[in-house]
């Protein structure tokens, strides 16, 4: 079983140093993992395997998806989560290019996020590499 809550906590830890427009709680990260999990089944071209009834909330409060995943599949799902996280940050950054106050005009306000585009490109590259390593899906097996 895939522990969605544990993966959400890992995503939160991996992205802890990135500022976000709003403070994200664990529930937000759990939703990101759930969306990445759904996208995983689309990407591997096995949409019939996705079943919303396999989501389980255990007595310990953790969320699970009742299917076994290999470690490469888990890494691929985590890559999808990181991409969604940074796309959210990028959406906020896209709204900030410059602003004017009564005293001065600020331009290039997005410079602190100049590497965000590269980060997303690197994550997309990592996702493609992870996918191609899952030969069972690239060959259509």
C-alpha atoms as a PDB file:
ATOM      1  CA  UNK A   1       0.000   0.000   0.000  1.00  0.00           C
ATOM      2  CA  UNK A   2       1.171   3.486  -0.821  1.00  0.00           C
ATOM      3  CA  UNK A   3       1.223   5.716   2.252  1.00  0.00           C
ATOM      4  CA  UNK A   4      -0.029   8.997   0.799  1.00  0.00           C
ATOM      5  CA  UNK A   5       0.428  10.890   4.057  1.00  0.00           C
ATOM      6  CA  UNK A   6       4.060   9.795   4.337  1.00  0.00           C
ATOM      7  CA  UNK A   7       4.737  10.842   0.747  1.00  0.00           C
ATOM      8  CA  UNK A   8       3.051  14.202   1.438  1.00  0.00           C
ATOM      9  CA  UNK A   9       5.313  14.720   4.457  1.00  0.00           C
ATOM     10  CA  UNK A  10       8.350  13.903   2.305  1.00  0.00           C
ATOM     11  CA  UNK A  11       7.197  16.422  -0.313  1.00  0.00           C
ATOM     12  CA  UNK A  12       6.704  19.026   2.398  1.00  0.00           C
ATOM     13  CA  UNK A  13      10.230  18.374   3.678  1.00  0.00           C
ATOM     14  CA  UNK A  14      11.776  18.520   0.182  1.00  0.00           C
ATOM     15  CA  UNK A  15      10.108  21.852  -0.574  1.00  0.00           C
ATOM     16  CA  UNK A  16      10.355  23.436   2.874  1.00  0.00           C
ATOM     17  CA  UNK A  17      12.823  26.121   1.792  1.00  0.00           C
ATOM     18  CA  UNK A  18      10.636  27.368  -1.065  1.00  0.00           C
ATOM     19  CA  UNK A  19       8.405  30.317  -0.256  1.00  0.00           C
ATOM     20  CA  UNK A  20       4.768  29.914  -1.274  1.00  0.00           C
ATOM     21  CA  UNK A  21       2.064  32.552  -1.712  1.00  0.00           C
ATOM     22  CA  UNK A  22       0.023  30.923   1.040  1.00  0.00           C
ATOM     23  CA  UNK A  23       1.053  28.610   3.825  1.00  0.00           C
ATOM     24  CA  UNK A  24       0.375  25.012   2.814  1.00  0.00           C
ATOM     25  CA  UNK A  25      -0.739  22.512   5.400  1.00  0.00           C
ATOM     26  CA  UNK A  26      -0.346  18.738   5.249  1.00  0.00           C
ATOM     27  CA  UNK A  27      -3.796  18.416   3.676  1.00  0.00           C
ATOM     28  CA  UNK A  28      -2.655  20.494   0.701  1.00  0.00           C
ATOM     29  CA  UNK A  29       0.326  18.203   0.192  1.00  0.00           C
ATOM     30  CA  UNK A  30      -1.903  15.117   0.483  1.00  0.00           C
ATOM     31  CA  UNK A  31      -4.090  16.525  -2.313  1.00  0.00           C
ATOM     32  CA  UNK A  32      -0.987  17.055  -4.466  1.00  0.00           C
ATOM     33  CA  UNK A  33       0.010  13.424  -3.962  1.00  0.00           C
ATOM     34  CA  UNK A  34      -3.522  12.248  -4.805  1.00  0.00           C
ATOM     35  CA  UNK A  35      -3.513  14.266  -8.055  1.00  0.00           C
ATOM     36  CA  UNK A  36      -0.033  12.948  -8.918  1.00  0.00           C
ATOM     37  CA  UNK A  37      -1.227   9.413  -8.269  1.00  0.00           C
ATOM     38  CA  UNK A  38      -4.140   9.896 -10.679  1.00  0.00           C
ATOM     39  CA  UNK A  39      -1.786  11.379 -13.300  1.00  0.00           C
ATOM     40  CA  UNK A  40       0.569   8.422 -12.836  1.00  0.00           C
ATOM     41  CA  UNK A  41      -2.094   6.017 -14.104  1.00  0.00           C
ATOM     42  CA  UNK A  42      -2.774   8.276 -17.090  1.00  0.00           C
ATOM     43  CA  UNK A  43       0.945   8.588 -17.900  1.00  0.00           C
ATOM     44  CA  UNK A  44       1.540   4.834 -17.813  1.00  0.00           C
ATOM     45  CA  UNK A  45      -1.535   4.352 -20.030  1.00  0.00           C
ATOM     46  CA  UNK A  46      -3.337   2.175 -17.478  1.00  0.00           C
ATOM     47  CA  UNK A  47      -6.293   4.385 -16.558  1.00  0.00           C
ATOM     48  CA  UNK A  48      -8.459   1.343 -15.840  1.00  0.00           C
ATOM     49  CA  UNK A  49      -6.239   0.521 -12.849  1.00  0.00           C
ATOM     50  CA  UNK A  50      -7.063   3.805 -11.123  1.00  0.00           C
ATOM     51  CA  UNK A  51      -9.860   3.334  -8.609  1.00  0.00           C
ATOM     52  CA  UNK A  52     -10.992   6.063  -6.259  1.00  0.00           C
ATOM     53  CA  UNK A  53     -12.388   3.437  -3.881  1.00  0.00           C
ATOM     54  CA  UNK A  54      -8.828   2.281  -3.162  1.00  0.00           C
ATOM     55  CA  UNK A  55      -8.170   5.449  -1.139  1.00  0.00           C
ATOM     56  CA  UNK A  56      -8.226   4.501   2.521  1.00  0.00           C
ATOM     57  CA  UNK A  57      -8.016   6.585   5.677  1.00  0.00           C
ATOM     58  CA  UNK A  58      -6.666   4.327   8.400  1.00  0.00           C
ATOM     59  CA  UNK A  59      -7.321   4.508  12.122  1.00  0.00           C
ATOM     60  CA  UNK A  60      -3.907   6.138  12.586  1.00  0.00           C
ATOM     61  CA  UNK A  61      -5.110   9.091  10.485  1.00  0.00           C
ATOM     62  CA  UNK A  62      -2.841   8.301   7.536  1.00  0.00           C
ATOM     63  CA  UNK A  63      -4.168   8.115   3.985  1.00  0.00           C
ATOM     64  CA  UNK A  64      -3.292   5.153   1.795  1.00  0.00           C
ATOM     65  CA  UNK A  65      -3.856   3.931  -1.731  1.00  0.00           C
ATOM     66  CA  UNK A  66      -4.467   0.197  -1.620  1.00  0.00           C
ATOM     67  CA  UNK A  67      -2.110  -0.968  -4.356  1.00  0.00           C
ATOM     68  CA  UNK A  68       1.492  -2.029  -4.241  1.00  0.00           C
ATOM     69  CA  UNK A  69       3.927   0.284  -6.022  1.00  0.00           C
ATOM     70  CA  UNK A  70       7.513  -0.442  -6.947  1.00  0.00           C
ATOM     71  CA  UNK A  71      10.109   2.061  -5.809  1.00  0.00           C
ATOM     72  CA  UNK A  72      10.560   3.497  -9.309  1.00  0.00           C
ATOM     73  CA  UNK A  73       6.811   4.130  -9.485  1.00  0.00           C
ATOM     74  CA  UNK A  74       6.918   5.898  -6.130  1.00  0.00           C
ATOM     75  CA  UNK A  75       9.804   8.071  -7.339  1.00  0.00           C
ATOM     76  CA  UNK A  76       7.856   8.928 -10.475  1.00  0.00           C
ATOM     77  CA  UNK A  77       4.823   9.943  -8.403  1.00  0.00           C
ATOM     78  CA  UNK A  78       7.061  12.073  -6.179  1.00  0.00           C
ATOM     79  CA  UNK A  79       8.468  13.775  -9.299  1.00  0.00           C
ATOM     80  CA  UNK A  80       4.917  14.603 -10.375  1.00  0.00           C
ATOM     81  CA  UNK A  81       4.250  16.049  -6.909  1.00  0.00           C
ATOM     82  CA  UNK A  82       7.305  18.292  -7.049  1.00  0.00           C
ATOM     83  CA  UNK A  83       6.321  19.520 -10.500  1.00  0.00           C
ATOM     84  CA  UNK A  84       2.850  20.464  -9.280  1.00  0.00           C
ATOM     85  CA  UNK A  85       4.290  22.207  -6.236  1.00  0.00           C
ATOM     86  CA  UNK A  86       6.660  24.373  -8.280  1.00  0.00           C
ATOM     87  CA  UNK A  87       3.976  25.066 -10.891  1.00  0.00           C
ATOM     88  CA  UNK A  88       1.879  26.518  -8.061  1.00  0.00           C
ATOM     89  CA  UNK A  89       4.761  28.752  -7.038  1.00  0.00           C
ATOM     90  CA  UNK A  90       5.280  29.734 -10.679  1.00  0.00           C
ATOM     91  CA  UNK A  91       1.640  30.779 -10.962  1.00  0.00           C
ATOM     92  CA  UNK A  92       2.186  33.250  -8.137  1.00  0.00           C
ATOM     93  CA  UNK A  93       5.465  34.479  -9.613  1.00  0.00           C
ATOM     94  CA  UNK A  94       3.798  35.074 -12.983  1.00  0.00           C
ATOM     95  CA  UNK A  95       1.626  37.680 -11.259  1.00  0.00           C
ATOM     96  CA  UNK A  96       4.670  39.591  -9.974  1.00  0.00           C
ATOM     97  CA  UNK A  97       6.740  41.501 -12.496  1.00  0.00           C
ATOM     98  CA  UNK A  98       6.796  45.010 -11.099  1.00  0.00           C
ATOM     99  CA  UNK A  99       4.774  47.424  -9.062  1.00  0.00           C
ATOM    100  CA  UNK A 100       4.548  51.085  -8.259  1.00  0.00           C
ATOM    101  CA  UNK A 101       4.149  52.833  -4.923  1.00  0.00           C
ATOM    102  CA  UNK A 102       3.712  56.544  -4.230  1.00  0.00           C
ATOM    103  CA  UNK A 103       7.449  56.901  -3.696  1.00  0.00           C
ATOM    104  CA  UNK A 104       9.080  54.605  -6.251  1.00  0.00           C
ATOM    105  CA  UNK A 105       8.684  52.086  -9.037  1.00  0.00           C
ATOM    106  CA  UNK A 106       9.969  48.558  -8.627  1.00  0.00           C
ATOM    107  CA  UNK A 107      10.798  46.521 -11.731  1.00  0.00           C
ATOM    108  CA  UNK A 108      12.070  42.974 -12.080  1.00  0.00           C
ATOM    109  CA  UNK A 109      10.357  42.002  -8.833  1.00  0.00           C
ATOM    110  CA  UNK A 110      10.411  38.428 -10.062  1.00  0.00           C
ATOM    111  CA  UNK A 111      14.225  38.198  -9.991  1.00  0.00           C
ATOM    112  CA  UNK A 112      14.322  36.163  -6.739  1.00  0.00           C
ATOM    113  CA  UNK A 113      12.485  33.465  -8.693  1.00  0.00           C
ATOM    114  CA  UNK A 114      14.655  33.614 -11.826  1.00  0.00           C
ATOM    115  CA  UNK A 115      15.696  29.996 -11.422  1.00  0.00           C
ATOM    116  CA  UNK A 116      12.134  28.721 -11.099  1.00  0.00           C
ATOM    117  CA  UNK A 117      11.840  28.037 -14.824  1.00  0.00           C
ATOM    118  CA  UNK A 118      15.056  26.011 -14.713  1.00  0.00           C
ATOM    119  CA  UNK A 119      13.821  24.126 -11.672  1.00  0.00           C
ATOM    120  CA  UNK A 120      10.652  23.109 -13.493  1.00  0.00           C
ATOM    121  CA  UNK A 121      12.612  22.100 -16.594  1.00  0.00           C
ATOM    122  CA  UNK A 122      14.941  19.991 -14.433  1.00  0.00           C
ATOM    123  CA  UNK A 123      11.968  18.332 -12.725  1.00  0.00           C
ATOM    124  CA  UNK A 124      10.324  17.583 -16.081  1.00  0.00           C
ATOM    125  CA  UNK A 125      13.624  16.081 -17.254  1.00  0.00           C
ATOM    126  CA  UNK A 126      13.822  13.977 -14.079  1.00  0.00           C
ATOM    127  CA  UNK A 127      10.222  12.826 -14.661  1.00  0.00           C
ATOM    128  CA  UNK A 128      11.031  11.725 -18.222  1.00  0.00           C
ATOM    129  CA  UNK A 129      14.124   9.849 -17.067  1.00  0.00           C
ATOM    130  CA  UNK A 130      12.152   8.093 -14.323  1.00  0.00           C
ATOM    131  CA  UNK A 131       9.419   7.178 -16.794  1.00  0.00           C
ATOM    132  CA  UNK A 132      11.850   5.746 -19.319  1.00  0.00           C
ATOM    133  CA  UNK A 133      13.454   3.628 -16.618  1.00  0.00           C
ATOM    134  CA  UNK A 134      10.088   1.938 -16.103  1.00  0.00           C
ATOM    135  CA  UNK A 135      10.588  -0.123 -19.244  1.00  0.00           C
ATOM    136  CA  UNK A 136       7.501  -2.216 -18.541  1.00  0.00           C
ATOM    137  CA  UNK A 137       5.407   0.860 -19.392  1.00  0.00           C
ATOM    138  CA  UNK A 138       7.545   2.332 -22.183  1.00  0.00           C
ATOM    139  CA  UNK A 139       7.398  -0.961 -24.067  1.00  0.00           C
ATOM    140  CA  UNK A 140       3.670  -1.287 -23.440  1.00  0.00           C
ATOM    141  CA  UNK A 141       3.997  -4.462 -21.405  1.00  0.00           C
END
